[in-house]
Amino acid sequence: MNYLEREREVQRMISVGLMMEAFEKFYHEDVIMIESTGEIREGKAFNRTFQQEWIFGIKEVHDSGVKSITSNEESAVTMSETWIELSFRDGSRMKMEEVSVKQWDGDQIINERFYYDTDFDE
């Protein structure tokens, strides 16, 4: 499986509600995740807790999709442009568009950086 195929599988799993399963399968124990805000989260255990808390805060996903996926097979980098519209348990609603850049180490993601802007509906 090449990196483009791996990225497609990550996105497929997320699209059918298997976000944590994709995380467990594809993320390295030493993964570093960097938010668009510059916040850095290190390690799979810390990022697992962050992901679980984020998912718990979601009341409903209204729609989502993948606009594009690409890879640089030589440097083991994939990128995906995705969007999601959701409501949170606190009553707020958000549409988020995001680009994710992943650095792979073999079959697992060792580094992921997010680029996004949010638009809140009231």
C-alpha atoms as a PDB file:
ATOM      1  CA  MET A   1       0.000   0.000   0.000  1.00  0.00           C
ATOM      2  CA  ASN A   2       1.504   3.354  -0.998  1.00  0.00           C
ATOM      3  CA  TYR A   3       1.059   6.587   0.969  1.00  0.00           C
ATOM      4  CA  LEU A   4      -1.794   7.864  -1.188  1.00  0.00           C
ATOM      5  CA  GLU A   5      -3.690   4.624  -0.548  1.00  0.00           C
ATOM      6  CA  ARG A   6      -2.983   4.898   3.188  1.00  0.00           C
ATOM      7  CA  GLU A   7      -4.325   8.468   3.261  1.00  0.00           C
ATOM      8  CA  ARG A   8      -7.430   7.425   1.345  1.00  0.00           C
ATOM      9  CA  GLU A   9      -8.012   4.655   3.884  1.00  0.00           C
ATOM     10  CA  VAL A  10      -7.626   7.075   6.812  1.00  0.00           C
ATOM     11  CA  GLN A  11     -10.182   9.411   5.227  1.00  0.00           C
ATOM     12  CA  ARG A  12     -12.541   6.520   4.372  1.00  0.00           C
ATOM     13  CA  MET A  13     -12.492   5.274   7.956  1.00  0.00           C
ATOM     14  CA  ILE A  14     -13.155   8.763   9.324  1.00  0.00           C
ATOM     15  CA  SER A  15     -16.039   9.274   6.861  1.00  0.00           C
ATOM     16  CA  VAL A  16     -17.857   6.179   8.167  1.00  0.00           C
ATOM     17  CA  GLY A  17     -17.426   7.098  11.834  1.00  0.00           C
ATOM     18  CA  LEU A  18     -14.268   5.110  12.577  1.00  0.00           C
ATOM     19  CA  MET A  19     -12.087   8.035  13.653  1.00  0.00           C
ATOM     20  CA  MET A  20     -10.602   6.344  16.704  1.00  0.00           C
ATOM     21  CA  GLU A  21     -10.067   3.080  14.849  1.00  0.00           C
ATOM     22  CA  ALA A  22      -8.150   5.002  12.149  1.00  0.00           C
ATOM     23  CA  PHE A  23      -6.164   6.731  14.890  1.00  0.00           C
ATOM     24  CA  GLU A  24      -5.203   3.411  16.511  1.00  0.00           C
ATOM     25  CA  LYS A  25      -4.295   1.792  13.202  1.00  0.00           C
ATOM     26  CA  PHE A  26      -2.351   4.589  11.524  1.00  0.00           C
ATOM     27  CA  TYR A  27      -0.784   6.820  14.196  1.00  0.00           C
ATOM     28  CA  HIS A  28       2.713   6.253  15.603  1.00  0.00           C
ATOM     29  CA  GLU A  29       3.290   6.036  19.375  1.00  0.00           C
ATOM     30  CA  ASP A  30       5.510   9.139  19.143  1.00  0.00           C
ATOM     31  CA  VAL A  31       3.177  11.160  16.889  1.00  0.00           C
ATOM     32  CA  ILE A  32       3.314  14.947  17.087  1.00  0.00           C
ATOM     33  CA  MET A  33       0.163  16.825  16.086  1.00  0.00           C
ATOM     34  CA  ILE A  34       0.224  20.577  15.505  1.00  0.00           C
ATOM     35  CA  GLU A  35      -2.957  22.636  15.385  1.00  0.00           C
ATOM     36  CA  SER A  36      -3.436  25.679  13.169  1.00  0.00           C
ATOM     37  CA  THR A  37      -3.158  27.755  16.348  1.00  0.00           C
ATOM     38  CA  GLY A  38       0.392  26.460  16.902  1.00  0.00           C
ATOM     39  CA  GLU A  39      -0.622  24.192  19.801  1.00  0.00           C
ATOM     40  CA  ILE A  40       1.610  21.104  19.811  1.00  0.00           C
ATOM     41  CA  ARG A  41       0.452  17.749  21.178  1.00  0.00           C
ATOM     42  CA  GLU A  42       3.075  15.045  21.586  1.00  0.00           C
ATOM     43  CA  GLY A  43       2.589  11.299  21.909  1.00  0.00           C
ATOM     44  CA  LYS A  44      -0.177   8.921  20.959  1.00  0.00           C
ATOM     45  CA  ALA A  45      -1.598   8.651  24.486  1.00  0.00           C
ATOM     46  CA  PHE A  46      -2.010  12.435  24.850  1.00  0.00           C
ATOM     47  CA  ASN A  47      -3.481  12.752  21.358  1.00  0.00           C
ATOM     48  CA  ARG A  48      -5.828   9.806  21.966  1.00  0.00           C
ATOM     49  CA  THR A  49      -7.325  11.605  24.982  1.00  0.00           C
ATOM     50  CA  PHE A  50      -7.612  14.847  22.991  1.00  0.00           C
ATOM     51  CA  GLN A  51      -9.422  13.058  20.129  1.00  0.00           C
ATOM     52  CA  GLN A  52     -11.793  11.232  22.488  1.00  0.00           C
ATOM     53  CA  GLU A  53     -12.730  14.477  24.253  1.00  0.00           C
ATOM     54  CA  TRP A  54     -13.294  16.253  20.932  1.00  0.00           C
ATOM     55  CA  ILE A  55     -15.538  13.429  19.686  1.00  0.00           C
ATOM     56  CA  PHE A  56     -17.467  13.372  22.977  1.00  0.00           C
ATOM     57  CA  GLY A  57     -18.261  17.086  22.533  1.00  0.00           C
ATOM     58  CA  ILE A  58     -19.967  16.488  19.182  1.00  0.00           C
ATOM     59  CA  LYS A  59     -23.744  16.191  19.250  1.00  0.00           C
ATOM     60  CA  GLU A  60     -24.333  15.739  15.516  1.00  0.00           C
ATOM     61  CA  VAL A  61     -22.397  15.713  12.247  1.00  0.00           C
ATOM     62  CA  HIS A  62     -24.587  17.343   9.611  1.00  0.00           C
ATOM     63  CA  ASP A  63     -22.344  16.728   6.611  1.00  0.00           C
ATOM     64  CA  SER A  64     -18.699  16.277   5.691  1.00  0.00           C
ATOM     65  CA  GLY A  65     -16.468  15.524   2.750  1.00  0.00           C
ATOM     66  CA  VAL A  66     -13.034  15.280   1.230  1.00  0.00           C
ATOM     67  CA  LYS A  67     -12.204  17.868  -1.427  1.00  0.00           C
ATOM     68  CA  SER A  68      -8.777  16.549  -2.393  1.00  0.00           C
ATOM     69  CA  ILE A  69      -6.040  14.115  -1.411  1.00  0.00           C
ATOM     70  CA  THR A  70      -2.480  14.029  -2.684  1.00  0.00           C
ATOM     71  CA  SER A  71       0.847  12.491  -1.785  1.00  0.00           C
ATOM     72  CA  ASN A  72       4.567  12.811  -2.348  1.00  0.00           C
ATOM     73  CA  GLU A  73       5.590   9.172  -2.305  1.00  0.00           C
ATOM     74  CA  GLU A  74       9.333   9.953  -2.268  1.00  0.00           C
ATOM     75  CA  SER A  75       9.143  12.056   0.904  1.00  0.00           C
ATOM     76  CA  ALA A  76       6.347  10.016   2.572  1.00  0.00           C
ATOM     77  CA  VAL A  77       4.006  13.006   2.870  1.00  0.00           C
ATOM     78  CA  THR A  78       0.255  13.096   2.273  1.00  0.00           C
ATOM     79  CA  MET A  79      -2.168  16.003   2.299  1.00  0.00           C
ATOM     80  CA  SER A  80      -5.928  16.088   2.440  1.00  0.00           C
ATOM     81  CA  GLU A  81      -8.422  18.937   2.220  1.00  0.00           C
ATOM     82  CA  THR A  82     -11.584  18.144   4.156  1.00  0.00           C
ATOM     83  CA  TRP A  83     -14.652  19.867   5.565  1.00  0.00           C
ATOM     84  CA  ILE A  84     -17.198  19.101   8.250  1.00  0.00           C
ATOM     85  CA  GLU A  85     -20.333  20.787   9.522  1.00  0.00           C
ATOM     86  CA  LEU A  86     -21.346  19.784  13.033  1.00  0.00           C
ATOM     87  CA  SER A  87     -23.176  20.743  16.193  1.00  0.00           C
ATOM     88  CA  PHE A  88     -21.671  20.465  19.633  1.00  0.00           C
ATOM     89  CA  ARG A  89     -23.338  19.396  22.864  1.00  0.00           C
ATOM     90  CA  ASP A  90     -23.137  23.015  24.084  1.00  0.00           C
ATOM     91  CA  GLY A  91     -25.519  24.036  21.276  1.00  0.00           C
ATOM     92  CA  SER A  92     -22.979  25.732  19.025  1.00  0.00           C
ATOM     93  CA  ARG A  93     -22.686  24.829  15.359  1.00  0.00           C
ATOM     94  CA  MET A  94     -19.549  25.009  13.223  1.00  0.00           C
ATOM     95  CA  LYS A  95     -18.416  24.468   9.676  1.00  0.00           C
ATOM     96  CA  MET A  96     -14.709  23.709   9.483  1.00  0.00           C
ATOM     97  CA  GLU A  97     -12.529  23.461   6.398  1.00  0.00           C
ATOM     98  CA  GLU A  98      -9.104  21.984   6.982  1.00  0.00           C
ATOM     99  CA  VAL A  99      -5.916  20.917   5.262  1.00  0.00           C
ATOM    100  CA  SER A 100      -3.970  18.181   7.002  1.00  0.00           C
ATOM    101  CA  VAL A 101      -0.330  17.468   6.152  1.00  0.00           C
ATOM    102  CA  LYS A 102       0.936  14.104   7.357  1.00  0.00           C
ATOM    103  CA  GLN A 103       4.514  12.822   7.522  1.00  0.00           C
ATOM    104  CA  TRP A 104       4.624   9.038   7.481  1.00  0.00           C
ATOM    105  CA  ASP A 105       7.151   6.687   9.061  1.00  0.00           C
ATOM    106  CA  GLY A 106       6.516   3.399   7.320  1.00  0.00           C
ATOM    107  CA  ASP A 107       2.858   2.503   7.841  1.00  0.00           C
ATOM    108  CA  GLN A 108       2.227   5.112  10.543  1.00  0.00           C
ATOM    109  CA  ILE A 109       1.832   8.862  10.826  1.00  0.00           C
ATOM    110  CA  ILE A 110       4.641  10.406  12.865  1.00  0.00           C
ATOM    111  CA  ASN A 111       3.719  14.069  12.375  1.00  0.00           C
ATOM    112  CA  GLU A 112       0.497  15.822  11.405  1.00  0.00           C
ATOM    113  CA  ARG A 113      -0.094  19.535  11.010  1.00  0.00           C
ATOM    114  CA  PHE A 114      -3.499  21.135  10.536  1.00  0.00           C
ATOM    115  CA  TYR A 115      -4.297  24.328   8.643  1.00  0.00           C
ATOM    116  CA  TYR A 116      -7.827  25.628   9.068  1.00  0.00           C
ATOM    117  CA  ASP A 117     -10.155  28.546   9.433  1.00  0.00           C
ATOM    118  CA  THR A 118     -13.510  28.254  11.150  1.00  0.00           C
ATOM    119  CA  ASP A 119     -16.850  29.832  10.371  1.00  0.00           C
ATOM    120  CA  PHE A 120     -19.349  29.651  13.213  1.00  0.00           C
ATOM    121  CA  ASP A 121     -23.067  29.686  12.447  1.00  0.00           C
ATOM    122  CA  GLU A 122     -25.267  31.252  15.102  1.00  0.00           C
END
